[in-house]
Amino acid sequence: MKRLTIDLAELPEDGKTVEDELDVEVFDLPEGDAVPLSPLQFRLRIQRFESELLLEGSLSATFEFTCVRTLHPFVQTIRVDHAAISIEIGHQAVLDVTDAVREELLIAFPANPICEEGDQPGHCEINPRYLSVDKPSEDELTTPPRVAGDARWGALDDLKDLQDPSP
């Protein structure tokens, strides 16, 4: 399924349950972000309440993330078990709710993905040679030289010596 559309004329008064999946193209994530590995699977109860459409149910999809600690790729399934999406109907007879469903799943992305939280948890440890705290001096990594200060700030430093004259 490419898009999830709801025809309000065909929606029963007491609502209906829809179970299907949306193609991975629906995610349209920027390069360098998570990579979708499976379609967006959903099971939603759809019901109309006057001027709004309520979708409740579960969403899931599998993605490849890059661990923020190790920079290694790992696979994690993102699940939203109790999704609740409210959409204003307006004057539309057919509603495309694809983007709302997609966004509900994307909001559940981890802010800092780590491989320990993957479907097959990995060993997630930062290589200590890259830590600046307690960094041994005998490692082979070079420390970049400090950049000299910007001379334009010198004028501001001179101002700190000025004092307001007393009235």
C-alpha atoms as a PDB file:
ATOM      1  CA  MET A   1       0.000   0.000   0.000  1.00  0.00           C
ATOM      2  CA  LYS A   2       1.441   3.384  -0.991  1.00  0.00           C
ATOM      3  CA  ARG A   3      -0.977   5.697   0.887  1.00  0.00           C
ATOM      4  CA  LEU A   4      -3.550   5.209   3.647  1.00  0.00           C
ATOM      5  CA  THR A   5      -6.735   7.000   2.662  1.00  0.00           C
ATOM      6  CA  ILE A   6     -10.062   6.954   4.469  1.00  0.00           C
ATOM      7  CA  ASP A   7     -13.267   7.465   2.492  1.00  0.00           C
ATOM      8  CA  LEU A   8     -15.651   8.952   5.047  1.00  0.00           C
ATOM      9  CA  ALA A   9     -18.703   7.904   3.003  1.00  0.00           C
ATOM     10  CA  GLU A  10     -17.691   4.250   3.382  1.00  0.00           C
ATOM     11  CA  LEU A  11     -16.706   4.483   7.050  1.00  0.00           C
ATOM     12  CA  PRO A  12     -19.315   2.688   9.204  1.00  0.00           C
ATOM     13  CA  GLU A  13     -20.970   4.673  11.994  1.00  0.00           C
ATOM     14  CA  ASP A  14     -19.282   2.560  14.682  1.00  0.00           C
ATOM     15  CA  GLY A  15     -15.909   2.694  12.859  1.00  0.00           C
ATOM     16  CA  LYS A  16     -13.737  -0.079  11.477  1.00  0.00           C
ATOM     17  CA  THR A  17     -10.393  -1.772  12.047  1.00  0.00           C
ATOM     18  CA  VAL A  18      -7.786  -1.662   9.294  1.00  0.00           C
ATOM     19  CA  GLU A  19      -4.677  -3.850   9.240  1.00  0.00           C
ATOM     20  CA  ASP A  20      -2.111  -3.483   6.463  1.00  0.00           C
ATOM     21  CA  GLU A  21       1.318  -2.038   5.719  1.00  0.00           C
ATOM     22  CA  LEU A  22       2.693   1.012   3.949  1.00  0.00           C
ATOM     23  CA  ASP A  23       5.685   0.782   1.591  1.00  0.00           C
ATOM     24  CA  VAL A  24       9.113   1.822   2.921  1.00  0.00           C
ATOM     25  CA  GLU A  25       9.077   4.794   0.523  1.00  0.00           C
ATOM     26  CA  VAL A  26       6.577   6.463   2.854  1.00  0.00           C
ATOM     27  CA  PHE A  27       9.398   7.267   5.314  1.00  0.00           C
ATOM     28  CA  ASP A  28      11.376   9.472   2.904  1.00  0.00           C
ATOM     29  CA  LEU A  29      14.193   9.998   5.421  1.00  0.00           C
ATOM     30  CA  PRO A  30      17.246  12.136   4.578  1.00  0.00           C
ATOM     31  CA  GLU A  31      20.519  10.459   3.684  1.00  0.00           C
ATOM     32  CA  GLY A  32      22.628   9.715   6.729  1.00  0.00           C
ATOM     33  CA  ASP A  33      19.542   9.139   8.880  1.00  0.00           C
ATOM     34  CA  ALA A  34      17.993   5.798   9.812  1.00  0.00           C
ATOM     35  CA  VAL A  35      17.400   3.398   6.929  1.00  0.00           C
ATOM     36  CA  PRO A  36      13.988   1.681   6.816  1.00  0.00           C
ATOM     37  CA  LEU A  37      14.298  -2.093   6.416  1.00  0.00           C
ATOM     38  CA  SER A  38      10.633  -3.034   6.536  1.00  0.00           C
ATOM     39  CA  PRO A  39       7.284  -1.521   5.614  1.00  0.00           C
ATOM     40  CA  LEU A  40       5.293   0.425   8.200  1.00  0.00           C
ATOM     41  CA  GLN A  41       2.901  -2.158   9.611  1.00  0.00           C
ATOM     42  CA  PHE A  42      -0.254  -0.953  11.284  1.00  0.00           C
ATOM     43  CA  ARG A  43      -3.427  -2.160  12.938  1.00  0.00           C
ATOM     44  CA  LEU A  44      -5.732   0.806  13.508  1.00  0.00           C
ATOM     45  CA  ARG A  45      -9.249   1.284  14.762  1.00  0.00           C
ATOM     46  CA  ILE A  46     -10.691   4.200  12.763  1.00  0.00           C
ATOM     47  CA  GLN A  47     -13.717   6.065  14.020  1.00  0.00           C
ATOM     48  CA  ARG A  48     -15.353   9.404  13.261  1.00  0.00           C
ATOM     49  CA  PHE A  49     -16.386  11.797  16.020  1.00  0.00           C
ATOM     50  CA  GLU A  50     -18.226  14.774  14.491  1.00  0.00           C
ATOM     51  CA  SER A  51     -15.475  16.901  12.914  1.00  0.00           C
ATOM     52  CA  GLU A  52     -12.500  14.668  13.730  1.00  0.00           C
ATOM     53  CA  LEU A  53     -11.218  11.254  12.782  1.00  0.00           C
ATOM     54  CA  LEU A  54      -9.618   9.165  15.515  1.00  0.00           C
ATOM     55  CA  LEU A  55      -7.110   6.434  14.712  1.00  0.00           C
ATOM     56  CA  GLU A  56      -6.057   4.160  17.567  1.00  0.00           C
ATOM     57  CA  GLY A  57      -3.880   1.092  17.462  1.00  0.00           C
ATOM     58  CA  SER A  58      -0.360  -0.149  16.880  1.00  0.00           C
ATOM     59  CA  LEU A  59       2.421   0.759  14.455  1.00  0.00           C
ATOM     60  CA  SER A  60       5.801  -0.841  13.802  1.00  0.00           C
ATOM     61  CA  ALA A  61       8.712  -0.821  11.372  1.00  0.00           C
ATOM     62  CA  THR A  62      12.326  -1.985  11.403  1.00  0.00           C
ATOM     63  CA  PHE A  63      15.212   0.418  10.822  1.00  0.00           C
ATOM     64  CA  GLU A  64      18.973   0.386  10.628  1.00  0.00           C
ATOM     65  CA  PHE A  65      20.426   3.017  12.956  1.00  0.00           C
ATOM     66  CA  THR A  66      24.008   4.082  13.601  1.00  0.00           C
ATOM     67  CA  CYS A  67      25.091   3.735  17.221  1.00  0.00           C
ATOM     68  CA  VAL A  68      26.107   7.105  18.678  1.00  0.00           C
ATOM     69  CA  ARG A  69      28.769   5.443  20.847  1.00  0.00           C
ATOM     70  CA  THR A  70      30.430   2.975  18.503  1.00  0.00           C
ATOM     71  CA  LEU A  71      29.357   4.378  15.098  1.00  0.00           C
ATOM     72  CA  HIS A  72      28.410   0.841  14.051  1.00  0.00           C
ATOM     73  CA  PRO A  73      25.096   0.077  12.316  1.00  0.00           C
ATOM     74  CA  PHE A  74      22.476  -1.950  14.162  1.00  0.00           C
ATOM     75  CA  VAL A  75      18.868  -3.006  13.566  1.00  0.00           C
ATOM     76  CA  GLN A  76      15.998  -1.937  15.804  1.00  0.00           C
ATOM     77  CA  THR A  77      12.256  -2.363  15.442  1.00  0.00           C
ATOM     78  CA  ILE A  78      10.332   0.725  16.470  1.00  0.00           C
ATOM     79  CA  ARG A  79       6.918  -0.045  17.953  1.00  0.00           C
ATOM     80  CA  VAL A  80       4.105   2.234  19.030  1.00  0.00           C
ATOM     81  CA  ASP A  81       1.633  -0.025  20.803  1.00  0.00           C
ATOM     82  CA  HIS A  82      -0.885   2.620  21.839  1.00  0.00           C
ATOM     83  CA  ALA A  83      -0.943   5.129  19.008  1.00  0.00           C
ATOM     84  CA  ALA A  84      -3.728   7.715  19.120  1.00  0.00           C
ATOM     85  CA  ILE A  85      -3.986  10.089  16.176  1.00  0.00           C
ATOM     86  CA  SER A  86      -6.666  12.747  15.844  1.00  0.00           C
ATOM     87  CA  ILE A  87      -7.212  14.390  12.465  1.00  0.00           C
ATOM     88  CA  GLU A  88      -9.505  17.340  11.752  1.00  0.00           C
ATOM     89  CA  ILE A  89     -11.913  16.377   8.942  1.00  0.00           C
ATOM     90  CA  GLY A  90     -12.948  19.769   7.592  1.00  0.00           C
ATOM     91  CA  HIS A  91     -14.889  19.558   4.318  1.00  0.00           C
ATOM     92  CA  GLN A  92     -13.005  16.585   2.889  1.00  0.00           C
ATOM     93  CA  ALA A  93     -14.749  13.410   1.809  1.00  0.00           C
ATOM     94  CA  VAL A  94     -11.529  11.382   1.539  1.00  0.00           C
ATOM     95  CA  LEU A  95      -8.694  11.840   4.027  1.00  0.00           C
ATOM     96  CA  ASP A  96      -5.085  10.854   3.400  1.00  0.00           C
ATOM     97  CA  VAL A  97      -3.780   9.944   6.854  1.00  0.00           C
ATOM     98  CA  THR A  98      -0.456   8.508   5.666  1.00  0.00           C
ATOM     99  CA  ASP A  99       1.695  11.386   6.901  1.00  0.00           C
ATOM    100  CA  ALA A 100       0.040  11.441  10.325  1.00  0.00           C
ATOM    101  CA  VAL A 101       0.636   7.698  10.777  1.00  0.00           C
ATOM    102  CA  ARG A 102       4.235   8.021   9.538  1.00  0.00           C
ATOM    103  CA  GLU A 103       4.964  10.901  11.931  1.00  0.00           C
ATOM    104  CA  GLU A 104       3.513   9.006  14.885  1.00  0.00           C
ATOM    105  CA  LEU A 105       6.097   6.271  14.305  1.00  0.00           C
ATOM    106  CA  LEU A 106       8.994   8.661  13.626  1.00  0.00           C
ATOM    107  CA  ILE A 107       8.354  10.442  16.929  1.00  0.00           C
ATOM    108  CA  ALA A 108       9.194   7.150  18.658  1.00  0.00           C
ATOM    109  CA  PHE A 109      12.735   7.139  17.185  1.00  0.00           C
ATOM    110  CA  PRO A 110      15.445   7.076  19.846  1.00  0.00           C
ATOM    111  CA  ALA A 111      17.104  10.479  20.297  1.00  0.00           C
ATOM    112  CA  ASN A 112      20.510   8.827  20.722  1.00  0.00           C
ATOM    113  CA  PRO A 113      20.374   5.339  19.215  1.00  0.00           C
ATOM    114  CA  ILE A 114      22.704   2.852  20.868  1.00  0.00           C
ATOM    115  CA  CYS A 115      23.335  -0.700  19.765  1.00  0.00           C
ATOM    116  CA  GLU A 116      22.500  -2.093  23.229  1.00  0.00           C
ATOM    117  CA  GLU A 117      18.848  -1.270  22.445  1.00  0.00           C
ATOM    118  CA  GLY A 118      18.860  -3.065  19.080  1.00  0.00           C
ATOM    119  CA  ASP A 119      16.831  -6.148  18.229  1.00  0.00           C
ATOM    120  CA  GLN A 120      20.053  -8.107  18.796  1.00  0.00           C
ATOM    121  CA  PRO A 121      21.788  -6.039  21.479  1.00  0.00           C
ATOM    122  CA  GLY A 122      25.432  -5.383  20.732  1.00  0.00           C
ATOM    123  CA  HIS A 123      28.338  -4.553  22.995  1.00  0.00           C
ATOM    124  CA  CYS A 124      28.145  -0.783  23.133  1.00  0.00           C
ATOM    125  CA  GLU A 125      31.341   0.668  24.508  1.00  0.00           C
ATOM    126  CA  ILE A 126      33.335   3.681  23.450  1.00  0.00           C
ATOM    127  CA  ASN A 127      36.938   2.928  22.630  1.00  0.00           C
ATOM    128  CA  PRO A 128      38.772   4.541  25.590  1.00  0.00           C
ATOM    129  CA  ARG A 129      41.507   5.932  23.370  1.00  0.00           C
ATOM    130  CA  TYR A 130      38.951   8.419  22.028  1.00  0.00           C
ATOM    131  CA  LEU A 131      37.981   9.741  25.446  1.00  0.00           C
ATOM    132  CA  SER A 132      39.490  13.044  26.497  1.00  0.00           C
ATOM    133  CA  VAL A 133      39.168  12.293  30.204  1.00  0.00           C
ATOM    134  CA  ASP A 134      42.063  10.237  31.563  1.00  0.00           C
ATOM    135  CA  LYS A 135      43.472   9.887  28.075  1.00  0.00           C
ATOM    136  CA  PRO A 136      46.831   8.095  28.273  1.00  0.00           C
ATOM    137  CA  SER A 137      49.644  10.183  26.824  1.00  0.00           C
ATOM    138  CA  GLU A 138      51.253   7.214  25.083  1.00  0.00           C
ATOM    139  CA  ASP A 139      48.436   6.571  22.575  1.00  0.00           C
ATOM    140  CA  GLU A 140      49.109   7.119  18.893  1.00  0.00           C
ATOM    141  CA  LEU A 141      46.403   9.764  18.445  1.00  0.00           C
ATOM    142  CA  THR A 142      47.607  13.284  17.894  1.00  0.00           C
ATOM    143  CA  THR A 143      45.977  16.203  19.630  1.00  0.00           C
ATOM    144  CA  PRO A 144      45.257  19.028  17.209  1.00  0.00           C
ATOM    145  CA  PRO A 145      46.986  22.324  18.038  1.00  0.00           C
ATOM    146  CA  ARG A 146      44.893  25.051  19.618  1.00  0.00           C
ATOM    147  CA  VAL A 147      43.834  27.802  17.262  1.00  0.00           C
ATOM    148  CA  ALA A 148      45.078  31.235  18.258  1.00  0.00           C
ATOM    149  CA  GLY A 149      42.377  33.614  19.498  1.00  0.00           C
ATOM    150  CA  ASP A 150      40.597  35.925  17.130  1.00  0.00           C
ATOM    151  CA  ALA A 151      42.268  39.366  17.268  1.00  0.00           C
ATOM    152  CA  ARG A 152      38.921  41.076  16.708  1.00  0.00           C
ATOM    153  CA  TRP A 153      37.932  40.158  20.255  1.00  0.00           C
ATOM    154  CA  GLY A 154      40.878  42.105  21.640  1.00  0.00           C
ATOM    155  CA  ALA A 155      38.956  45.367  21.249  1.00  0.00           C
ATOM    156  CA  LEU A 156      36.226  44.010  23.495  1.00  0.00           C
ATOM    157  CA  ASP A 157      38.797  42.898  26.059  1.00  0.00           C
ATOM    158  CA  ASP A 158      40.038  46.508  26.214  1.00  0.00           C
ATOM    159  CA  LEU A 159      36.520  47.697  27.082  1.00  0.00           C
ATOM    160  CA  LYS A 160      36.445  45.741  30.343  1.00  0.00           C
ATOM    161  CA  ASP A 161      38.983  48.168  31.806  1.00  0.00           C
ATOM    162  CA  LEU A 162      36.745  51.155  31.160  1.00  0.00           C
ATOM    163  CA  GLN A 163      34.522  52.207  33.992  1.00  0.00           C
ATOM    164  CA  ASP A 164      31.406  54.336  33.892  1.00  0.00           C
ATOM    165  CA  PRO A 165      32.142  57.799  35.316  1.00  0.00           C
ATOM    166  CA  SER A 166      30.263  58.475  38.504  1.00  0.00           C
ATOM    167  CA  PRO A 167      27.572  61.217  38.181  1.00  0.00           C
END
